[in-house]
Amino acid sequence: ATFGTELKAYADAIGKTVSVIITHGHGDHFGNIGEFSDSDIYAESVVAGILGGNEAFAGLTINPVTSTETIAGIVFTFDKISNAETNENSYIYMENEKAFFAEDLIYNKAHNYIREYTPLEGEDELDNWISGLNEFKTEFADYNYVFVGHGNGGMRTDVSTVIDENIAYLTDAKELIAGTKELSTGGFATTNQEVVDELLLLYSDYLPSALNLSLPGAFGEQDPGAIWFE
């Protein structure tokens, strides 16, 4: 919760100027943003609009980026995937350095955040997410580094492998919720808890991460949890 404050204090202590890039509108990615009021803050243009409506950014200027931005002499290219892990997830890549920042579109050996999957509403966020990951495989197959938002370590060098891991996980989650993948105990899931338990079993070596946020009560006593079942 204090990482942003600690990072700013460290940068100040060594006399470094900090620029900030925000990829999406989940609070764990811009905690303590007020500490960076004297920093340049960037976000993909659509994401910038979303962040601008958040009170955490009151009084701060967010520089919207539609394509590329040169920061500290490095060219960053911004793009996004809509309606996947959340409403708008941007990612950033550095073509010359063969590195990209996937943030929460790729997890490293951790259970993905699928709370915002709403299959009953018609929009299939997991399909969108998987489609985006397949595009990553084509676009970044020759890249040397991918930096992730959550997981067991923040960087992977086996780019295609970690993308495949995320595709497999999301496919299993989608099929469990749709009732096309049988539970290890037999039968099919009809509750969020059964989906969570099965994913914990199938991916027992993964960090729990945000999976339990799909359960009822995760965000308060009246929270119904993710709306996956009638």
C-alpha atoms as a PDB file:
ATOM      1  CA  ALA A   1       0.000   0.000   0.000  1.00  0.00           C
ATOM      2  CA  THR A   2       2.979   2.300   0.528  1.00  0.00           C
ATOM      3  CA  PHE A   3       5.101   1.144  -2.409  1.00  0.00           C
ATOM      4  CA  GLY A   4       4.511   4.366  -4.365  1.00  0.00           C
ATOM      5  CA  THR A   5       5.584   6.462  -1.404  1.00  0.00           C
ATOM      6  CA  GLU A   6       8.699   4.339  -0.910  1.00  0.00           C
ATOM      7  CA  LEU A   7       9.592   4.510  -4.607  1.00  0.00           C
ATOM      8  CA  LYS A   8       9.281   8.307  -4.653  1.00  0.00           C
ATOM      9  CA  ALA A   9      11.372   8.635  -1.507  1.00  0.00           C
ATOM     10  CA  TYR A  10      14.069   6.417  -3.031  1.00  0.00           C
ATOM     11  CA  ALA A  11      14.108   8.401  -6.292  1.00  0.00           C
ATOM     12  CA  ASP A  12      14.389  11.653  -4.361  1.00  0.00           C
ATOM     13  CA  ALA A  13      17.208  10.243  -2.247  1.00  0.00           C
ATOM     14  CA  ILE A  14      19.316   9.396  -5.303  1.00  0.00           C
ATOM     15  CA  GLY A  15      18.338  12.529  -7.199  1.00  0.00           C
ATOM     16  CA  LYS A  16      16.393  10.831 -10.005  1.00  0.00           C
ATOM     17  CA  THR A  17      13.456  12.287 -11.892  1.00  0.00           C
ATOM     18  CA  VAL A  18      10.492   9.889 -12.097  1.00  0.00           C
ATOM     19  CA  SER A  19       8.013   9.581 -14.953  1.00  0.00           C
ATOM     20  CA  VAL A  20       4.895   7.486 -14.357  1.00  0.00           C
ATOM     21  CA  ILE A  21       2.956   5.315 -16.810  1.00  0.00           C
ATOM     22  CA  ILE A  22      -0.468   4.009 -15.708  1.00  0.00           C
ATOM     23  CA  THR A  23      -1.856   1.091 -17.722  1.00  0.00           C
ATOM     24  CA  HIS A  24      -5.408   0.754 -16.405  1.00  0.00           C
ATOM     25  CA  GLY A  25      -7.911   1.856 -13.815  1.00  0.00           C
ATOM     26  CA  HIS A  26      -7.342  -0.626 -10.984  1.00  0.00           C
ATOM     27  CA  GLY A  27      -6.281   1.098  -7.791  1.00  0.00           C
ATOM     28  CA  ASP A  28      -3.429  -1.274  -7.021  1.00  0.00           C
ATOM     29  CA  HIS A  29      -1.639   0.194 -10.059  1.00  0.00           C
ATOM     30  CA  PHE A  30      -1.750   3.829  -9.002  1.00  0.00           C
ATOM     31  CA  GLY A  31      -1.641   3.727  -5.216  1.00  0.00           C
ATOM     32  CA  ASN A  32      -0.040   6.821  -3.657  1.00  0.00           C
ATOM     33  CA  ILE A  33      -0.164   8.591  -7.043  1.00  0.00           C
ATOM     34  CA  GLY A  34      -0.447  11.889  -5.190  1.00  0.00           C
ATOM     35  CA  GLU A  35       3.220  11.521  -4.222  1.00  0.00           C
ATOM     36  CA  PHE A  36       4.099  12.058  -7.890  1.00  0.00           C
ATOM     37  CA  SER A  37       2.497  15.475  -8.376  1.00  0.00           C
ATOM     38  CA  ASP A  38       5.806  16.818  -9.703  1.00  0.00           C
ATOM     39  CA  SER A  39       6.253  13.905 -12.145  1.00  0.00           C
ATOM     40  CA  ASP A  40       5.093  13.527 -15.730  1.00  0.00           C
ATOM     41  CA  ILE A  41       2.212  11.019 -15.763  1.00  0.00           C
ATOM     42  CA  TYR A  42       1.292   9.195 -18.963  1.00  0.00           C
ATOM     43  CA  ALA A  43      -1.511   6.854 -20.003  1.00  0.00           C
ATOM     44  CA  GLU A  44      -2.959   5.567 -23.260  1.00  0.00           C
ATOM     45  CA  SER A  45      -5.520   8.166 -24.356  1.00  0.00           C
ATOM     46  CA  VAL A  46      -8.685   6.170 -23.561  1.00  0.00           C
ATOM     47  CA  VAL A  47      -7.254   4.991 -20.243  1.00  0.00           C
ATOM     48  CA  ALA A  48      -6.255   8.588 -19.469  1.00  0.00           C
ATOM     49  CA  GLY A  49      -9.899   9.604 -19.801  1.00  0.00           C
ATOM     50  CA  ILE A  50     -10.969   6.887 -17.373  1.00  0.00           C
ATOM     51  CA  LEU A  51      -8.300   7.812 -14.838  1.00  0.00           C
ATOM     52  CA  GLY A  52      -9.225  11.481 -15.090  1.00  0.00           C
ATOM     53  CA  GLY A  53     -12.595  10.660 -13.562  1.00  0.00           C
ATOM     54  CA  ASN A  54     -10.995   9.054 -10.503  1.00  0.00           C
ATOM     55  CA  GLU A  55     -10.679  11.289  -7.446  1.00  0.00           C
ATOM     56  CA  ALA A  56      -7.185   9.892  -6.791  1.00  0.00           C
ATOM     57  CA  PHE A  57      -6.001  11.942  -9.778  1.00  0.00           C
ATOM     58  CA  ALA A  58      -7.643  15.206  -8.702  1.00  0.00           C
ATOM     59  CA  GLY A  59      -5.225  18.058  -9.324  1.00  0.00           C
ATOM     60  CA  LEU A  60      -2.871  15.879 -11.378  1.00  0.00           C
ATOM     61  CA  THR A  61      -2.223  16.148 -15.102  1.00  0.00           C
ATOM     62  CA  ILE A  62      -2.352  12.927 -17.104  1.00  0.00           C
ATOM     63  CA  ASN A  63      -0.671  13.125 -20.496  1.00  0.00           C
ATOM     64  CA  PRO A  64      -2.776  11.102 -22.983  1.00  0.00           C
ATOM     65  CA  VAL A  65      -0.799   9.069 -25.524  1.00  0.00           C
ATOM     66  CA  THR A  66      -2.441   7.925 -28.739  1.00  0.00           C
ATOM     67  CA  SER A  67       0.535   6.041 -30.181  1.00  0.00           C
ATOM     68  CA  THR A  68       4.130   6.760 -29.170  1.00  0.00           C
ATOM     69  CA  GLU A  69       5.853   8.874 -26.556  1.00  0.00           C
ATOM     70  CA  THR A  70       9.545   9.513 -25.985  1.00  0.00           C
ATOM     71  CA  ILE A  71      10.335   9.427 -22.280  1.00  0.00           C
ATOM     72  CA  ALA A  72      13.915   9.891 -21.044  1.00  0.00           C
ATOM     73  CA  GLY A  73      15.138   9.314 -24.583  1.00  0.00           C
ATOM     74  CA  ILE A  74      13.331   5.985 -25.003  1.00  0.00           C
ATOM     75  CA  VAL A  75      10.482   5.539 -27.468  1.00  0.00           C
ATOM     76  CA  PHE A  76       7.452   3.840 -25.895  1.00  0.00           C
ATOM     77  CA  THR A  77       4.519   2.643 -28.001  1.00  0.00           C
ATOM     78  CA  PHE A  78       1.112   2.500 -26.303  1.00  0.00           C
ATOM     79  CA  ASP A  79      -1.786   0.242 -27.285  1.00  0.00           C
ATOM     80  CA  LYS A  80      -4.740  -1.361 -25.502  1.00  0.00           C
ATOM     81  CA  ILE A  81      -7.152  -4.283 -25.327  1.00  0.00           C
ATOM     82  CA  SER A  82     -10.771  -3.474 -24.475  1.00  0.00           C
ATOM     83  CA  ASN A  83     -13.068  -5.518 -22.224  1.00  0.00           C
ATOM     84  CA  ALA A  84     -10.563  -8.112 -21.064  1.00  0.00           C
ATOM     85  CA  GLU A  85      -9.166  -8.125 -17.522  1.00  0.00           C
ATOM     86  CA  THR A  86     -10.977  -4.812 -17.064  1.00  0.00           C
ATOM     87  CA  ASN A  87     -12.732  -2.305 -19.319  1.00  0.00           C
ATOM     88  CA  GLU A  88      -9.517  -0.950 -20.853  1.00  0.00           C
ATOM     89  CA  ASN A  89      -6.077  -2.515 -20.388  1.00  0.00           C
ATOM     90  CA  SER A  90      -3.201  -0.752 -22.074  1.00  0.00           C
ATOM     91  CA  TYR A  91       0.208  -2.207 -22.715  1.00  0.00           C
ATOM     92  CA  ILE A  92       3.452  -0.550 -23.677  1.00  0.00           C
ATOM     93  CA  TYR A  93       6.369  -1.796 -25.709  1.00  0.00           C
ATOM     94  CA  MET A  94       9.858  -0.659 -26.634  1.00  0.00           C
ATOM     95  CA  GLU A  95      10.617  -1.980 -30.083  1.00  0.00           C
ATOM     96  CA  ASN A  96      14.325  -1.134 -30.056  1.00  0.00           C
ATOM     97  CA  GLU A  97      14.841  -2.903 -26.723  1.00  0.00           C
ATOM     98  CA  LYS A  98      12.563  -5.846 -27.619  1.00  0.00           C
ATOM     99  CA  ALA A  99      10.672  -5.512 -24.335  1.00  0.00           C
ATOM    100  CA  PHE A 100       7.023  -4.987 -23.512  1.00  0.00           C
ATOM    101  CA  PHE A 101       4.990  -4.222 -20.426  1.00  0.00           C
ATOM    102  CA  ALA A 102       1.841  -6.336 -20.433  1.00  0.00           C
ATOM    103  CA  GLU A 103       0.856  -5.475 -16.878  1.00  0.00           C
ATOM    104  CA  ASP A 104      -2.378  -7.274 -15.892  1.00  0.00           C
ATOM    105  CA  LEU A 105      -2.925  -8.792 -19.321  1.00  0.00           C
ATOM    106  CA  ILE A 106      -0.274 -11.371 -18.400  1.00  0.00           C
ATOM    107  CA  TYR A 107       0.236 -12.967 -14.984  1.00  0.00           C
ATOM    108  CA  ASN A 108       3.362 -14.924 -14.035  1.00  0.00           C
ATOM    109  CA  LYS A 109       2.410 -18.209 -12.383  1.00  0.00           C
ATOM    110  CA  ALA A 110      -0.474 -16.539 -10.539  1.00  0.00           C
ATOM    111  CA  HIS A 111      -4.244 -16.898 -10.713  1.00  0.00           C
ATOM    112  CA  ASN A 112      -5.666 -14.289 -13.057  1.00  0.00           C
ATOM    113  CA  TYR A 113      -8.148 -11.640 -11.934  1.00  0.00           C
ATOM    114  CA  ILE A 114     -11.386 -12.799 -13.578  1.00  0.00           C
ATOM    115  CA  ARG A 115     -13.806 -10.954 -11.305  1.00  0.00           C
ATOM    116  CA  GLU A 116     -14.982  -8.715 -14.163  1.00  0.00           C
ATOM    117  CA  TYR A 117     -15.916 -11.616 -16.461  1.00  0.00           C
ATOM    118  CA  THR A 118     -19.639 -11.178 -17.211  1.00  0.00           C
ATOM    119  CA  PRO A 119     -20.756 -14.069 -19.461  1.00  0.00           C
ATOM    120  CA  LEU A 120     -24.439 -13.548 -18.626  1.00  0.00           C
ATOM    121  CA  GLU A 121     -24.345 -10.052 -20.109  1.00  0.00           C
ATOM    122  CA  GLY A 122     -23.244 -11.101 -23.583  1.00  0.00           C
ATOM    123  CA  GLU A 123     -19.800  -9.476 -23.593  1.00  0.00           C
ATOM    124  CA  ASP A 124     -17.222 -12.253 -23.415  1.00  0.00           C
ATOM    125  CA  GLU A 125     -14.257 -10.671 -21.692  1.00  0.00           C
ATOM    126  CA  LEU A 126     -12.298 -13.919 -21.503  1.00  0.00           C
ATOM    127  CA  ASP A 127     -12.609 -14.410 -25.266  1.00  0.00           C
ATOM    128  CA  ASN A 128     -11.392 -10.846 -25.768  1.00  0.00           C
ATOM    129  CA  TRP A 129      -8.514 -11.447 -23.373  1.00  0.00           C
ATOM    130  CA  ILE A 130      -7.472 -14.703 -25.048  1.00  0.00           C
ATOM    131  CA  SER A 131      -7.721 -13.065 -28.474  1.00  0.00           C
ATOM    132  CA  GLY A 132      -5.433 -10.287 -27.281  1.00  0.00           C
ATOM    133  CA  LEU A 133      -2.925 -12.797 -25.930  1.00  0.00           C
ATOM    134  CA  ASN A 134      -2.860 -14.572 -29.286  1.00  0.00           C
ATOM    135  CA  GLU A 135      -2.105 -11.223 -30.919  1.00  0.00           C
ATOM    136  CA  PHE A 136       0.736 -10.811 -28.427  1.00  0.00           C
ATOM    137  CA  LYS A 137       2.188 -14.139 -29.572  1.00  0.00           C
ATOM    138  CA  THR A 138       2.350 -12.841 -33.125  1.00  0.00           C
ATOM    139  CA  GLU A 139       3.479  -9.320 -32.332  1.00  0.00           C
ATOM    140  CA  PHE A 140       6.038 -10.071 -29.621  1.00  0.00           C
ATOM    141  CA  ALA A 141       7.276 -13.588 -30.477  1.00  0.00           C
ATOM    142  CA  ASP A 142      10.818 -12.299 -31.023  1.00  0.00           C
ATOM    143  CA  TYR A 143      10.888 -10.067 -27.921  1.00  0.00           C
ATOM    144  CA  ASN A 144      13.362 -10.777 -25.138  1.00  0.00           C
ATOM    145  CA  TYR A 145      11.414  -9.550 -22.121  1.00  0.00           C
ATOM    146  CA  VAL A 146       7.853  -9.228 -20.909  1.00  0.00           C
ATOM    147  CA  PHE A 147       7.053  -7.382 -17.690  1.00  0.00           C
ATOM    148  CA  VAL A 148       3.892  -8.537 -15.935  1.00  0.00           C
ATOM    149  CA  GLY A 149       1.539  -6.946 -13.438  1.00  0.00           C
ATOM    150  CA  HIS A 150       1.267  -9.778 -10.911  1.00  0.00           C
ATOM    151  CA  GLY A 151       2.856 -13.068 -10.095  1.00  0.00           C
ATOM    152  CA  ASN A 152       5.964 -14.899  -9.066  1.00  0.00           C
ATOM    153  CA  GLY A 153       8.442 -12.371 -10.377  1.00  0.00           C
ATOM    154  CA  GLY A 154       7.748  -9.340 -12.517  1.00  0.00           C
ATOM    155  CA  MET A 155       9.617 -10.319 -15.661  1.00  0.00           C
ATOM    156  CA  ARG A 156       9.885 -13.330 -17.995  1.00  0.00           C
ATOM    157  CA  THR A 157      12.248 -13.944 -20.899  1.00  0.00           C
ATOM    158  CA  ASP A 158      10.307 -16.916 -22.340  1.00  0.00           C
ATOM    159  CA  VAL A 159       7.668 -14.648 -23.816  1.00  0.00           C
ATOM    160  CA  SER A 160       5.665 -17.165 -25.856  1.00  0.00           C
ATOM    161  CA  THR A 161       5.615 -19.663 -22.989  1.00  0.00           C
ATOM    162  CA  VAL A 162       4.154 -17.283 -20.428  1.00  0.00           C
ATOM    163  CA  ILE A 163       1.548 -16.147 -22.951  1.00  0.00           C
ATOM    164  CA  ASP A 164       0.556 -19.776 -23.541  1.00  0.00           C
ATOM    165  CA  GLU A 165       0.282 -20.324 -19.780  1.00  0.00           C
ATOM    166  CA  ASN A 166      -2.190 -17.456 -19.517  1.00  0.00           C
ATOM    167  CA  ILE A 167      -4.208 -18.675 -22.501  1.00  0.00           C
ATOM    168  CA  ALA A 168      -4.475 -22.140 -20.935  1.00  0.00           C
ATOM    169  CA  TYR A 169      -5.574 -20.708 -17.589  1.00  0.00           C
ATOM    170  CA  LEU A 170      -8.210 -18.418 -19.056  1.00  0.00           C
ATOM    171  CA  THR A 171      -9.518 -21.195 -21.308  1.00  0.00           C
ATOM    172  CA  ASP A 172      -9.942 -23.507 -18.309  1.00  0.00           C
ATOM    173  CA  ALA A 173     -11.702 -20.743 -16.352  1.00  0.00           C
ATOM    174  CA  LYS A 174     -14.059 -20.001 -19.236  1.00  0.00           C
ATOM    175  CA  GLU A 175     -14.931 -23.676 -19.732  1.00  0.00           C
ATOM    176  CA  LEU A 176     -15.508 -24.271 -16.013  1.00  0.00           C
ATOM    177  CA  ILE A 177     -17.894 -21.328 -15.833  1.00  0.00           C
ATOM    178  CA  ALA A 178     -19.642 -22.349 -19.072  1.00  0.00           C
ATOM    179  CA  GLY A 179     -20.100 -25.920 -17.825  1.00  0.00           C
ATOM    180  CA  THR A 180     -18.099 -27.494 -20.648  1.00  0.00           C
ATOM    181  CA  LYS A 181     -15.197 -28.628 -18.460  1.00  0.00           C
ATOM    182  CA  GLU A 182     -15.893 -31.253 -15.810  1.00  0.00           C
ATOM    183  CA  LEU A 183     -14.728 -30.795 -12.238  1.00  0.00           C
ATOM    184  CA  SER A 184     -12.032 -33.130 -10.936  1.00  0.00           C
ATOM    185  CA  THR A 185     -14.617 -34.472  -8.482  1.00  0.00           C
ATOM    186  CA  GLY A 186     -17.153 -35.043 -11.247  1.00  0.00           C
ATOM    187  CA  GLY A 187     -20.053 -32.956 -12.424  1.00  0.00           C
ATOM    188  CA  PHE A 188     -19.926 -29.302 -13.398  1.00  0.00           C
ATOM    189  CA  ALA A 189     -19.552 -26.042 -11.500  1.00  0.00           C
ATOM    190  CA  THR A 190     -22.680 -24.163 -10.489  1.00  0.00           C
ATOM    191  CA  THR A 191     -21.123 -21.735  -7.992  1.00  0.00           C
ATOM    192  CA  ASN A 192     -18.195 -19.341  -7.906  1.00  0.00           C
ATOM    193  CA  GLN A 193     -16.660 -21.334  -5.062  1.00  0.00           C
ATOM    194  CA  GLU A 194     -16.567 -24.499  -7.178  1.00  0.00           C
ATOM    195  CA  VAL A 195     -14.812 -22.644  -9.993  1.00  0.00           C
ATOM    196  CA  VAL A 196     -12.285 -21.126  -7.589  1.00  0.00           C
ATOM    197  CA  ASP A 197     -11.627 -24.476  -5.881  1.00  0.00           C
ATOM    198  CA  GLU A 198     -11.075 -26.230  -9.212  1.00  0.00           C
ATOM    199  CA  LEU A 199      -8.682 -23.567 -10.501  1.00  0.00           C
ATOM    200  CA  LEU A 200      -6.751 -23.753  -7.228  1.00  0.00           C
ATOM    201  CA  LEU A 201      -6.507 -27.506  -7.740  1.00  0.00           C
ATOM    202  CA  LEU A 202      -5.538 -27.352 -11.419  1.00  0.00           C
ATOM    203  CA  TYR A 203      -2.944 -24.640 -10.826  1.00  0.00           C
ATOM    204  CA  SER A 204      -1.754 -25.570  -7.363  1.00  0.00           C
ATOM    205  CA  ASP A 205       1.703 -24.062  -7.942  1.00  0.00           C
ATOM    206  CA  TYR A 206       0.274 -20.637  -8.827  1.00  0.00           C
ATOM    207  CA  LEU A 207       0.124 -17.736  -6.384  1.00  0.00           C
ATOM    208  CA  PRO A 208      -3.498 -17.206  -5.203  1.00  0.00           C
ATOM    209  CA  SER A 209      -3.303 -13.586  -6.402  1.00  0.00           C
ATOM    210  CA  ALA A 210      -6.765 -12.085  -7.006  1.00  0.00           C
ATOM    211  CA  LEU A 211      -8.787 -15.239  -7.626  1.00  0.00           C
ATOM    212  CA  ASN A 212     -10.697 -15.061  -4.343  1.00  0.00           C
ATOM    213  CA  LEU A 213     -11.966 -11.590  -5.282  1.00  0.00           C
ATOM    214  CA  SER A 214     -14.502 -13.436  -7.445  1.00  0.00           C
ATOM    215  CA  LEU A 215     -16.183 -14.906  -4.361  1.00  0.00           C
ATOM    216  CA  PRO A 216     -19.210 -13.419  -2.573  1.00  0.00           C
ATOM    217  CA  GLY A 217     -18.225 -11.036   0.193  1.00  0.00           C
ATOM    218  CA  ALA A 218     -14.844 -10.185  -1.310  1.00  0.00           C
ATOM    219  CA  PHE A 219     -15.617  -6.455  -1.348  1.00  0.00           C
ATOM    220  CA  GLY A 220     -17.938  -6.235   1.623  1.00  0.00           C
ATOM    221  CA  GLU A 221     -20.785  -8.027   3.311  1.00  0.00           C
ATOM    222  CA  GLN A 222     -23.325  -7.347   0.561  1.00  0.00           C
ATOM    223  CA  ASP A 223     -20.972  -8.126  -2.335  1.00  0.00           C
ATOM    224  CA  PRO A 224     -22.491 -10.939  -4.458  1.00  0.00           C
ATOM    225  CA  GLY A 225     -19.174 -11.817  -6.064  1.00  0.00           C
ATOM    226  CA  ALA A 226     -18.623 -12.237  -9.775  1.00  0.00           C
ATOM    227  CA  ILE A 227     -21.883 -12.753 -11.677  1.00  0.00           C
ATOM    228  CA  TRP A 228     -21.138 -16.020 -13.496  1.00  0.00           C
ATOM    229  CA  PHE A 229     -24.223 -18.123 -12.802  1.00  0.00           C
ATOM    230  CA  GLU A 230     -27.980 -17.508 -12.870  1.00  0.00           C
END
